Protein backbone atom coordinates (compact mmCIF):
# COMPACT_ATOMS: atom_id res chain seq x y z
CA UNK A 1 -14.34 -28.11 25.43
CA UNK A 2 -13.19 -31.26 27.15
CA UNK A 3 -10.80 -32.21 29.91
CA UNK A 4 -9.04 -35.60 30.45
CA UNK A 5 -6.59 -36.84 33.04
CA UNK A 6 -4.09 -39.39 31.63
CA UNK A 7 -1.75 -41.97 33.24
CA UNK A 8 0.73 -43.12 30.75
CA UNK A 9 2.77 -46.23 31.60
CA UNK A 10 5.49 -48.02 29.86
CA UNK A 11 8.99 -46.72 28.92
CA UNK A 12 7.95 -43.10 29.40
CA UNK A 13 10.66 -41.76 31.85
CA UNK A 14 14.12 -40.79 30.67
CA UNK A 15 13.10 -40.39 27.07
CA UNK A 16 12.02 -36.78 27.00
CA UNK A 17 8.26 -37.64 27.24
CA UNK A 18 7.39 -34.59 29.43
CA UNK A 19 9.14 -32.05 27.11
CA UNK A 20 7.73 -33.70 23.94
CA UNK A 21 4.22 -33.52 25.46
CA UNK A 22 4.75 -29.81 26.10
CA UNK A 23 5.57 -29.29 22.45
CA UNK A 24 2.55 -31.31 21.29
CA UNK A 25 0.28 -29.33 23.65
CA UNK A 26 1.54 -26.09 22.10
CA UNK A 27 1.08 -27.42 18.62
CA UNK A 28 -2.49 -28.51 19.24
CA UNK A 29 -3.50 -25.63 21.47
CA UNK A 30 -4.19 -27.70 24.47
CA UNK A 31 -3.94 -26.43 28.17
CA UNK A 32 -2.99 -28.39 31.24
CA UNK A 33 0.06 -30.00 32.86
CA UNK A 34 2.33 -33.05 32.76
CA UNK A 35 4.50 -34.62 35.52
CA UNK A 36 6.24 -37.85 36.41
CA UNK A 37 4.26 -39.87 38.92
CA UNK A 38 5.43 -43.19 40.31
CA UNK A 39 7.13 -44.69 37.33
CA UNK A 40 4.44 -43.36 34.92
CA UNK A 41 3.64 -39.85 33.36
CA UNK A 42 0.55 -38.26 34.52
CA UNK A 43 -1.13 -35.36 32.62
CA UNK A 44 -4.27 -33.16 32.51
CA UNK A 45 -5.20 -32.00 29.11
CA UNK A 46 -7.97 -29.50 28.17
CA UNK A 47 -9.13 -27.82 25.12
CA UNK A 48 -11.50 -28.38 22.05
CA UNK A 49 -12.71 -31.94 21.81
CA UNK A 50 -10.83 -32.71 18.55
CA UNK A 51 -7.60 -31.32 19.89
CA UNK A 52 -7.82 -33.36 23.19
CA UNK A 53 -8.57 -36.56 21.23
CA UNK A 54 -5.57 -35.81 19.02
CA UNK A 55 -3.34 -35.23 21.96
CA UNK A 56 -4.32 -38.72 23.33
CA UNK A 57 -3.57 -40.31 20.06
CA UNK A 58 -0.21 -38.62 20.01
CA UNK A 59 0.49 -39.72 23.57
CA UNK A 60 -0.10 -43.26 22.45
CA UNK A 61 2.73 -42.99 20.09
CA UNK A 62 5.03 -40.71 22.32
CA UNK A 63 8.37 -39.43 21.39
CA UNK A 64 11.28 -41.41 19.89
CA UNK A 65 12.61 -43.77 22.39
CA UNK A 66 9.34 -44.19 24.34
CA UNK A 67 7.31 -47.30 24.46
CA UNK A 68 3.69 -46.59 25.72
CA UNK A 69 2.18 -49.89 27.24
CA UNK A 70 -1.09 -48.30 28.37
CA UNK A 71 -3.06 -45.05 28.85
CA UNK A 72 -5.59 -44.85 31.51
CA UNK A 73 -8.09 -42.00 30.70
CA UNK A 74 -10.68 -40.31 32.89
CA UNK A 75 -12.79 -37.20 32.41
CA UNK A 76 -11.51 -34.31 34.64
CA UNK A 77 -12.23 -30.69 35.57
CA UNK A 78 -10.43 -28.08 33.37
CA UNK A 79 -7.05 -26.80 34.81
CA UNK A 80 -7.08 -23.64 36.92
CA UNK A 81 -4.47 -21.91 34.66
CA UNK A 82 -4.07 -21.33 30.88
CA UNK A 83 -1.19 -22.78 28.87
CA UNK A 84 0.54 -26.11 29.43
CA UNK A 85 3.09 -26.63 32.18
CA UNK A 86 5.61 -29.21 33.19
CA UNK A 87 5.04 -29.83 36.88
CA UNK A 88 7.42 -31.26 39.54
CA UNK A 89 7.46 -35.08 39.89
CA UNK A 90 5.36 -36.71 42.61
């Protein structure tokens, strides 16, 4: 199992990125959360190593209308809850 924290920058707000990410997490069986954070999207993803890495690859593409300029990745502690939630913006 692996957990990563992501900060995704570019044109990632106003394009449905968080909802898209919730769908991708469900498809891949990844737990965690996603939220808007100061002009970027921030996420914590947790799951099997292959699923987490596939989620990161998917995040580099993003939904239609998004343009991902960069993703900062750091290792993280697993989330405290199961499932994948959309959290309030910070």
